[in-house]
């Protein structure tokens, strides 16, 4: 910790982000984490901006400030930080145009931010794109999130076998698609 702290104090943004992460996740000290993420963010680090935005959005170690959270998430997202795309989409959910939110979620999901798979599936299902929604549900389940399975089955019940197979192909989950076809045939 001493060498990490020394590196963070000397202005190393990577060290500042790691130290902030340790303070937040392992020592339960979000206010000190906010200090280091703030330093990294001020120095231009997209990870620092995204991390500080998380603390601001949730009021962890700092007063909740959704306006400032949005600003730093947007800066990090504009710099290509995939987790910032996801966090900004989460912040904008229900407040902005669903296509804009879906675009952010899609960018995050295509960059392998697994937390974006299920919400993207939810949003696409709500806007009527059942095949693509099911594809993201398949990816979410494949990534270990079984919580979306009920939604996937419910959605698949309204799709044709061909639509389910198409979703499975899009998600590279052909075996899962065939199992889904067999499952939903019982409930149609």
Protein backbone atom coordinates (compact mmCIF):
# COMPACT_ATOMS: atom_id res chain seq x y z
CA UNK A 1 0.00 0.00 0.00
CA UNK A 2 2.83 2.40 0.78
CA UNK A 3 4.29 2.25 -2.73
CA UNK A 4 0.82 2.48 -4.28
CA UNK A 5 0.00 5.53 -2.15
CA UNK A 6 3.34 7.12 -3.05
CA UNK A 7 2.65 6.58 -6.76
CA UNK A 8 -0.87 8.01 -6.38
CA UNK A 9 0.48 11.03 -4.50
CA UNK A 10 3.02 11.62 -7.28
CA UNK A 11 0.17 11.94 -9.81
CA UNK A 12 0.07 8.45 -11.35
CA UNK A 13 -3.59 8.21 -12.43
CA UNK A 14 -3.42 4.43 -12.69
CA UNK A 15 -2.27 4.24 -9.08
CA UNK A 16 -4.95 6.75 -8.06
CA UNK A 17 -7.64 4.59 -9.67
CA UNK A 18 -6.34 1.37 -8.13
CA UNK A 19 -6.04 3.00 -4.71
CA UNK A 20 -9.58 4.39 -5.06
CA UNK A 21 -10.84 0.93 -5.99
CA UNK A 22 -9.13 -0.69 -3.02
CA UNK A 23 -10.48 1.95 -0.65
CA UNK A 24 -14.00 1.54 -2.03
CA UNK A 25 -14.22 -2.22 -2.46
CA UNK A 26 -11.86 -3.65 0.14
CA UNK A 27 -11.62 -1.20 3.01
CA UNK A 28 -15.12 0.25 2.77
CA UNK A 29 -13.93 3.85 2.67
CA UNK A 30 -15.88 5.56 -0.13
CA UNK A 31 -14.97 9.12 0.91
CA UNK A 32 -11.24 8.41 0.56
CA UNK A 33 -11.98 6.53 -2.68
CA UNK A 34 -13.80 9.64 -3.96
CA UNK A 35 -10.71 11.72 -3.18
CA UNK A 36 -8.45 9.51 -5.33
CA UNK A 37 -10.98 9.05 -8.13
CA UNK A 38 -11.43 12.83 -8.11
CA UNK A 39 -7.68 13.33 -8.50
CA UNK A 40 -7.58 10.85 -11.40
CA UNK A 41 -10.65 12.44 -13.00
CA UNK A 42 -9.16 15.93 -12.72
CA UNK A 43 -6.03 14.63 -14.45
CA UNK A 44 -8.18 13.37 -17.35
CA UNK A 45 -8.50 9.66 -16.58
CA UNK A 46 -11.70 8.18 -18.07
CA UNK A 47 -11.63 5.44 -15.41
CA UNK A 48 -11.35 8.07 -12.68
CA UNK A 49 -14.24 10.01 -14.20
CA UNK A 50 -16.43 6.93 -14.46
CA UNK A 51 -15.57 5.82 -10.94
CA UNK A 52 -16.20 9.27 -9.48
CA UNK A 53 -19.50 9.37 -11.38
CA UNK A 54 -20.55 6.10 -9.76
CA UNK A 55 -19.91 7.53 -6.30
CA UNK A 56 -21.74 10.76 -7.15
CA UNK A 57 -24.73 8.94 -8.68
CA UNK A 58 -25.15 6.70 -5.66
CA UNK A 59 -24.07 9.17 -2.95
CA UNK A 60 -21.22 6.95 -1.77
CA UNK A 61 -18.67 8.91 0.26
CA UNK A 62 -19.90 12.16 -1.28
CA UNK A 63 -23.25 13.91 -1.41
CA UNK A 64 -25.38 12.54 -4.23
CA UNK A 65 -25.11 14.82 -7.26
CA UNK A 66 -26.79 13.43 -10.37
CA UNK A 67 -25.90 16.47 -12.47
CA UNK A 68 -22.18 16.12 -11.75
CA UNK A 69 -22.41 12.33 -12.12
CA UNK A 70 -23.93 12.80 -15.57
CA UNK A 71 -21.19 15.28 -16.53
CA UNK A 72 -18.31 12.98 -15.58
CA UNK A 73 -20.00 9.88 -17.04
CA UNK A 74 -20.50 11.80 -20.29
CA UNK A 75 -16.87 12.91 -20.38
CA UNK A 76 -15.66 9.35 -19.82
CA UNK A 77 -18.16 7.99 -22.35
CA UNK A 78 -17.03 10.55 -24.93
CA UNK A 79 -13.50 9.28 -24.36
CA UNK A 80 -14.62 5.71 -25.15
CA UNK A 81 -14.98 4.22 -21.67
CA UNK A 82 -17.41 1.31 -22.13
CA UNK A 83 -18.41 1.16 -18.46
CA UNK A 84 -19.22 4.88 -18.61
CA UNK A 85 -21.58 4.14 -21.53
CA UNK A 86 -23.36 1.62 -19.31
CA UNK A 87 -23.45 3.97 -16.30
CA UNK A 88 -24.75 6.86 -18.40
CA UNK A 89 -27.46 4.60 -19.85
CA UNK A 90 -28.43 3.58 -16.32
CA UNK A 91 -28.65 7.22 -15.30
CA UNK A 92 -30.71 8.14 -18.39
CA UNK A 93 -33.05 5.11 -18.19
CA UNK A 94 -36.62 6.39 -18.33
CA UNK A 95 -35.46 10.00 -18.67
CA UNK A 96 -34.10 10.11 -22.21
CA UNK A 97 -35.11 8.75 -25.59
CA UNK A 98 -35.05 4.93 -25.39
CA UNK A 99 -33.07 4.77 -28.65
CA UNK A 100 -30.31 6.89 -27.10
CA UNK A 101 -30.25 4.67 -24.01
CA UNK A 102 -30.28 1.54 -26.19
CA UNK A 103 -27.37 2.93 -28.21
CA UNK A 104 -25.31 3.42 -25.06
CA UNK A 105 -26.22 -0.04 -23.78
CA UNK A 106 -25.44 -1.60 -27.16
CA UNK A 107 -22.03 0.11 -27.25
CA UNK A 108 -21.29 -1.13 -23.73
CA UNK A 109 -22.56 -4.63 -24.47
CA UNK A 110 -20.60 -4.88 -27.71
CA UNK A 111 -17.52 -3.91 -25.68
CA UNK A 112 -18.24 -6.89 -23.41
CA UNK A 113 -19.64 -4.99 -20.42
CA UNK A 114 -21.71 -7.99 -19.32
CA UNK A 115 -23.88 -5.95 -16.96
CA UNK A 116 -25.35 -4.25 -20.06
CA UNK A 117 -26.64 -7.47 -21.68
CA UNK A 118 -29.79 -7.92 -19.59
CA UNK A 119 -30.86 -4.25 -19.52
CA UNK A 120 -30.32 -4.02 -23.28
CA UNK A 121 -32.50 -7.10 -23.69
CA UNK A 122 -35.16 -5.51 -21.47
CA UNK A 123 -35.17 -2.27 -23.42
CA UNK A 124 -35.26 -3.98 -26.80
CA UNK A 125 -38.08 -6.25 -25.64
CA UNK A 126 -40.05 -3.20 -24.47
CA UNK A 127 -39.56 -1.47 -27.82
CA UNK A 128 -40.63 -4.50 -29.82
CA UNK A 129 -37.35 -5.97 -31.08
CA UNK A 130 -37.90 -9.45 -29.70
CA UNK A 131 -35.25 -11.30 -31.70
CA UNK A 132 -32.40 -8.96 -30.78
CA UNK A 133 -33.68 -8.77 -27.19
CA UNK A 134 -33.59 -12.55 -26.94
CA UNK A 135 -30.06 -12.58 -28.36
CA UNK A 136 -28.90 -10.28 -25.54
CA UNK A 137 -30.75 -12.40 -23.00
CA UNK A 138 -28.91 -15.46 -24.36
CA UNK A 139 -25.61 -13.60 -23.97
CA UNK A 140 -26.56 -12.57 -20.44
CA UNK A 141 -27.38 -16.14 -19.43
CA UNK A 142 -24.20 -17.37 -21.10
CA UNK A 143 -22.26 -14.79 -19.04
CA UNK A 144 -23.74 -16.24 -15.85
CA UNK A 145 -26.80 -14.05 -15.23
CA UNK A 146 -29.63 -16.53 -14.78
CA UNK A 147 -31.91 -13.74 -13.51
CA UNK A 148 -32.95 -12.93 -17.09
CA UNK A 149 -33.98 -16.51 -17.87
CA UNK A 150 -37.64 -15.97 -16.95
CA UNK A 151 -37.81 -12.89 -19.19
CA UNK A 152 -36.09 -14.80 -21.99
CA UNK A 153 -38.60 -17.65 -21.81
CA UNK A 154 -41.55 -15.24 -21.67
CA UNK A 155 -40.23 -13.37 -24.69
CA UNK A 156 -39.40 -16.55 -26.62
CA UNK A 157 -42.94 -17.84 -26.17
CA UNK A 158 -44.09 -15.04 -28.47
CA UNK A 159 -41.44 -15.70 -31.14
CA UNK A 160 -41.40 -18.28 -33.90
CA UNK A 161 -38.92 -21.14 -33.76
CA UNK A 162 -37.08 -19.38 -36.60
CA UNK A 163 -36.90 -16.16 -34.54
CA UNK A 164 -35.48 -18.02 -31.56
CA UNK A 165 -32.89 -19.73 -33.77
CA UNK A 166 -32.01 -16.36 -35.32
CA UNK A 167 -31.48 -14.88 -31.84
CA UNK A 168 -29.33 -17.85 -30.89
CA UNK A 169 -27.21 -17.36 -34.00
CA UNK A 170 -26.80 -13.64 -33.27
CA UNK A 171 -25.62 -14.49 -29.76
CA UNK A 172 -23.46 -17.46 -30.80
CA UNK A 173 -25.68 -19.56 -28.56
CA UNK A 174 -27.08 -22.10 -31.03
CA UNK A 175 -27.42 -24.89 -28.46
CA UNK A 176 -29.21 -22.60 -26.04
CA UNK A 177 -31.58 -21.52 -28.82
CA UNK A 178 -32.48 -25.13 -29.61
CA UNK A 179 -33.11 -25.81 -25.92
CA UNK A 180 -35.29 -22.69 -25.76
CA UNK A 181 -37.32 -23.84 -28.78
CA UNK A 182 -37.98 -27.17 -27.07
CA UNK A 183 -38.88 -25.44 -23.81
CA UNK A 184 -41.32 -22.91 -25.22
CA UNK A 185 -43.08 -25.41 -27.48
CA UNK A 186 -44.56 -26.85 -24.26
CA UNK A 187 -46.12 -23.49 -23.36
CA UNK A 188 -47.45 -22.21 -26.67
